[in-house]
Amino acid sequence: MANPLHLRYLKLDLDGIVPQVLSTFLLLQVLDVGSNRDTSLPNGLHNLVSLRHLVAHKRVHSSITSIGNMTSIQELHDFEVRISSGFEITQLKYMNELVQLGVSQLDSVKTREEAYGAGL
């Protein structure tokens, strides 16, 4: 049996709760959790630094703390800028692989320096 930590593609058909162990699959490139709006992702998902595609309801993307660590992600449908730690506009700075980006709550960006820090 192959080591699940080496998975590259994973499709889960769950009722809203994604298991915590998923955050240890560091080589995962595609995660498909479906389009259920109520999907709850585990803490530590930002550790999936090889993840390129997250197939999920677009609101799920805005729930990932420190998403800026996921520098390989290519699509970020709804990054919601917040004042709280892990959701600042500067999270986007090193996400150089982005092909598609959706950003909301830009009124949370208060200074020119903070906006410039996003590197967009």
C-alpha atoms as a PDB file:
ATOM      1  CA  MET A   1       0.000   0.000   0.000  1.00  0.00           C
ATOM      2  CA  ALA A   2       1.291   3.469  -0.900  1.00  0.00           C
ATOM      3  CA  ASN A   3       1.981   6.012   1.817  1.00  0.00           C
ATOM      4  CA  PRO A   4      -0.994   8.437   1.857  1.00  0.00           C
ATOM      5  CA  LEU A   5       1.373  11.287   2.663  1.00  0.00           C
ATOM      6  CA  HIS A   6       2.636  10.998  -0.933  1.00  0.00           C
ATOM      7  CA  LEU A   7      -0.769  11.519  -2.539  1.00  0.00           C
ATOM      8  CA  ARG A   8      -0.910  14.090  -5.336  1.00  0.00           C
ATOM      9  CA  TYR A   9      -4.682  14.128  -5.950  1.00  0.00           C
ATOM     10  CA  LEU A  10      -7.417  13.569  -3.391  1.00  0.00           C
ATOM     11  CA  LYS A  11     -11.167  13.814  -3.817  1.00  0.00           C
ATOM     12  CA  LEU A  12     -13.244  13.630  -0.653  1.00  0.00           C
ATOM     13  CA  ASP A  13     -16.981  13.081  -0.498  1.00  0.00           C
ATOM     14  CA  LEU A  14     -17.757  14.097   3.061  1.00  0.00           C
ATOM     15  CA  ASP A  15     -20.571  15.781   4.912  1.00  0.00           C
ATOM     16  CA  GLY A  16     -18.835  19.045   5.601  1.00  0.00           C
ATOM     17  CA  ILE A  17     -15.919  18.017   7.842  1.00  0.00           C
ATOM     18  CA  VAL A  18     -12.457  17.436   6.380  1.00  0.00           C
ATOM     19  CA  PRO A  19     -10.173  15.339   8.637  1.00  0.00           C
ATOM     20  CA  GLN A  20      -7.296  17.063  10.444  1.00  0.00           C
ATOM     21  CA  VAL A  21      -4.751  14.526   9.136  1.00  0.00           C
ATOM     22  CA  LEU A  22      -5.166  16.090   5.692  1.00  0.00           C
ATOM     23  CA  SER A  23      -2.932  18.995   6.725  1.00  0.00           C
ATOM     24  CA  THR A  24       0.034  16.568   6.816  1.00  0.00           C
ATOM     25  CA  PHE A  25      -0.213  15.601   3.121  1.00  0.00           C
ATOM     26  CA  LEU A  26       2.559  18.015   2.142  1.00  0.00           C
ATOM     27  CA  LEU A  27       2.935  16.735  -1.435  1.00  0.00           C
ATOM     28  CA  LEU A  28      -0.776  17.018  -2.276  1.00  0.00           C
ATOM     29  CA  GLN A  29      -1.310  19.077  -5.430  1.00  0.00           C
ATOM     30  CA  VAL A  30      -5.079  18.825  -5.975  1.00  0.00           C
ATOM     31  CA  LEU A  31      -7.671  18.671  -3.215  1.00  0.00           C
ATOM     32  CA  ASP A  32     -11.298  18.283  -4.233  1.00  0.00           C
ATOM     33  CA  VAL A  33     -13.739  18.616  -1.334  1.00  0.00           C
ATOM     34  CA  GLY A  34     -16.713  19.344  -3.568  1.00  0.00           C
ATOM     35  CA  SER A  35     -18.830  22.455  -3.689  1.00  0.00           C
ATOM     36  CA  ASN A  36     -20.658  22.052  -0.376  1.00  0.00           C
ATOM     37  CA  ARG A  37     -20.912  25.518   1.130  1.00  0.00           C
ATOM     38  CA  ASP A  38     -20.732  24.099   4.653  1.00  0.00           C
ATOM     39  CA  THR A  39     -17.373  22.357   4.226  1.00  0.00           C
ATOM     40  CA  SER A  40     -15.146  22.945   7.229  1.00  0.00           C
ATOM     41  CA  LEU A  41     -11.396  22.705   6.610  1.00  0.00           C
ATOM     42  CA  PRO A  42      -8.973  21.662   9.355  1.00  0.00           C
ATOM     43  CA  ASN A  43      -6.473  23.992  10.987  1.00  0.00           C
ATOM     44  CA  GLY A  44      -3.051  23.779   9.426  1.00  0.00           C
ATOM     45  CA  LEU A  45      -4.241  23.513   5.835  1.00  0.00           C
ATOM     46  CA  HIS A  46      -1.809  26.321   5.016  1.00  0.00           C
ATOM     47  CA  ASN A  47       0.943  23.682   5.445  1.00  0.00           C
ATOM     48  CA  LEU A  48      -0.021  22.193   2.066  1.00  0.00           C
ATOM     49  CA  VAL A  49       2.664  24.185   0.272  1.00  0.00           C
ATOM     50  CA  SER A  50       2.518  21.989  -2.861  1.00  0.00           C
ATOM     51  CA  LEU A  51      -1.242  22.431  -3.320  1.00  0.00           C
ATOM     52  CA  ARG A  52      -2.024  23.922  -6.736  1.00  0.00           C
ATOM     53  CA  HIS A  53      -5.793  23.495  -6.894  1.00  0.00           C
ATOM     54  CA  LEU A  54      -8.399  23.539  -4.165  1.00  0.00           C
ATOM     55  CA  VAL A  55     -11.752  22.504  -5.576  1.00  0.00           C
ATOM     56  CA  ALA A  56     -14.280  23.786  -3.067  1.00  0.00           C
ATOM     57  CA  HIS A  57     -17.053  26.296  -2.641  1.00  0.00           C
ATOM     58  CA  LYS A  58     -15.454  29.696  -3.101  1.00  0.00           C
ATOM     59  CA  ARG A  59     -16.269  30.696   0.487  1.00  0.00           C
ATOM     60  CA  VAL A  60     -14.051  27.847   1.728  1.00  0.00           C
ATOM     61  CA  HIS A  61     -10.955  29.645   0.409  1.00  0.00           C
ATOM     62  CA  SER A  62     -11.613  32.621   2.665  1.00  0.00           C
ATOM     63  CA  SER A  63     -11.537  30.392   5.765  1.00  0.00           C
ATOM     64  CA  ILE A  64      -7.888  29.298   5.410  1.00  0.00           C
ATOM     65  CA  THR A  65      -5.668  31.068   7.938  1.00  0.00           C
ATOM     66  CA  SER A  66      -2.192  32.067   6.662  1.00  0.00           C
ATOM     67  CA  ILE A  67      -3.049  31.039   3.120  1.00  0.00           C
ATOM     68  CA  GLY A  68       0.036  32.965   2.006  1.00  0.00           C
ATOM     69  CA  ASN A  69       2.120  29.901   2.916  1.00  0.00           C
ATOM     70  CA  MET A  70       0.417  28.033   0.065  1.00  0.00           C
ATOM     71  CA  THR A  71       2.696  29.566  -2.558  1.00  0.00           C
ATOM     72  CA  SER A  72       1.900  26.982  -5.257  1.00  0.00           C
ATOM     73  CA  ILE A  73      -1.850  27.636  -5.307  1.00  0.00           C
ATOM     74  CA  GLN A  74      -3.053  28.750  -8.743  1.00  0.00           C
ATOM     75  CA  GLU A  75      -6.652  29.718  -8.010  1.00  0.00           C
ATOM     76  CA  LEU A  76      -7.866  31.708  -5.051  1.00  0.00           C
ATOM     77  CA  HIS A  77     -11.531  32.480  -5.617  1.00  0.00           C
ATOM     78  CA  ASP A  78     -12.496  34.486  -2.573  1.00  0.00           C
ATOM     79  CA  PHE A  79      -9.705  35.808  -0.417  1.00  0.00           C
ATOM     80  CA  GLU A  80     -11.424  37.898   2.211  1.00  0.00           C
ATOM     81  CA  VAL A  81      -9.113  40.565   3.619  1.00  0.00           C
ATOM     82  CA  ARG A  82      -9.528  40.969   7.368  1.00  0.00           C
ATOM     83  CA  ILE A  83      -7.764  42.851  10.100  1.00  0.00           C
ATOM     84  CA  SER A  84      -7.191  39.621  12.053  1.00  0.00           C
ATOM     85  CA  SER A  85      -3.874  37.785  11.869  1.00  0.00           C
ATOM     86  CA  GLY A  86      -3.545  35.373   8.941  1.00  0.00           C
ATOM     87  CA  PHE A  87      -5.996  37.204   6.688  1.00  0.00           C
ATOM     88  CA  GLU A  88      -4.106  40.403   5.864  1.00  0.00           C
ATOM     89  CA  ILE A  89      -3.685  41.556   2.252  1.00  0.00           C
ATOM     90  CA  THR A  90       0.048  40.844   2.623  1.00  0.00           C
ATOM     91  CA  GLN A  91      -0.785  37.098   2.594  1.00  0.00           C
ATOM     92  CA  LEU A  92      -0.835  37.431  -1.206  1.00  0.00           C
ATOM     93  CA  LYS A  93       2.766  38.646  -1.486  1.00  0.00           C
ATOM     94  CA  TYR A  94       4.509  35.336  -2.273  1.00  0.00           C
ATOM     95  CA  MET A  95       1.662  33.648  -4.133  1.00  0.00           C
ATOM     96  CA  ASN A  96       3.420  33.977  -7.495  1.00  0.00           C
ATOM     97  CA  GLU A  97       1.649  31.042  -9.171  1.00  0.00           C
ATOM     98  CA  LEU A  98      -1.823  32.627  -9.013  1.00  0.00           C
ATOM     99  CA  VAL A  99      -3.687  32.574 -12.308  1.00  0.00           C
ATOM    100  CA  GLN A 100      -7.066  33.508 -10.881  1.00  0.00           C
ATOM    101  CA  LEU A 101      -7.624  35.749  -7.859  1.00  0.00           C
ATOM    102  CA  GLY A 102     -10.758  37.053  -6.242  1.00  0.00           C
ATOM    103  CA  VAL A 103     -10.402  39.504  -3.345  1.00  0.00           C
ATOM    104  CA  SER A 104     -13.122  40.993  -1.161  1.00  0.00           C
ATOM    105  CA  GLN A 105     -13.266  43.314   1.848  1.00  0.00           C
ATOM    106  CA  LEU A 106     -10.568  45.604   0.478  1.00  0.00           C
ATOM    107  CA  ASP A 107     -11.885  48.302   2.796  1.00  0.00           C
ATOM    108  CA  SER A 108      -9.984  46.420   5.524  1.00  0.00           C
ATOM    109  CA  VAL A 109      -6.731  47.616   3.924  1.00  0.00           C
ATOM    110  CA  LYS A 110      -6.019  50.860   5.756  1.00  0.00           C
ATOM    111  CA  THR A 111      -2.653  52.102   4.479  1.00  0.00           C
ATOM    112  CA  ARG A 112      -0.830  52.430   1.176  1.00  0.00           C
ATOM    113  CA  GLU A 113       2.096  50.496   2.632  1.00  0.00           C
ATOM    114  CA  GLU A 114      -0.157  47.597   3.563  1.00  0.00           C
ATOM    115  CA  ALA A 115      -1.575  47.471   0.025  1.00  0.00           C
ATOM    116  CA  TYR A 116       1.891  47.717  -1.493  1.00  0.00           C
ATOM    117  CA  GLY A 117       2.997  44.837   0.747  1.00  0.00           C
ATOM    118  CA  ALA A 118       0.679  42.485  -1.153  1.00  0.00           C
ATOM    119  CA  GLY A 119       3.009  42.693  -4.149  1.00  0.00           C
ATOM    120  CA  LEU A 120       0.160  42.772  -6.667  1.00  0.00           C
END
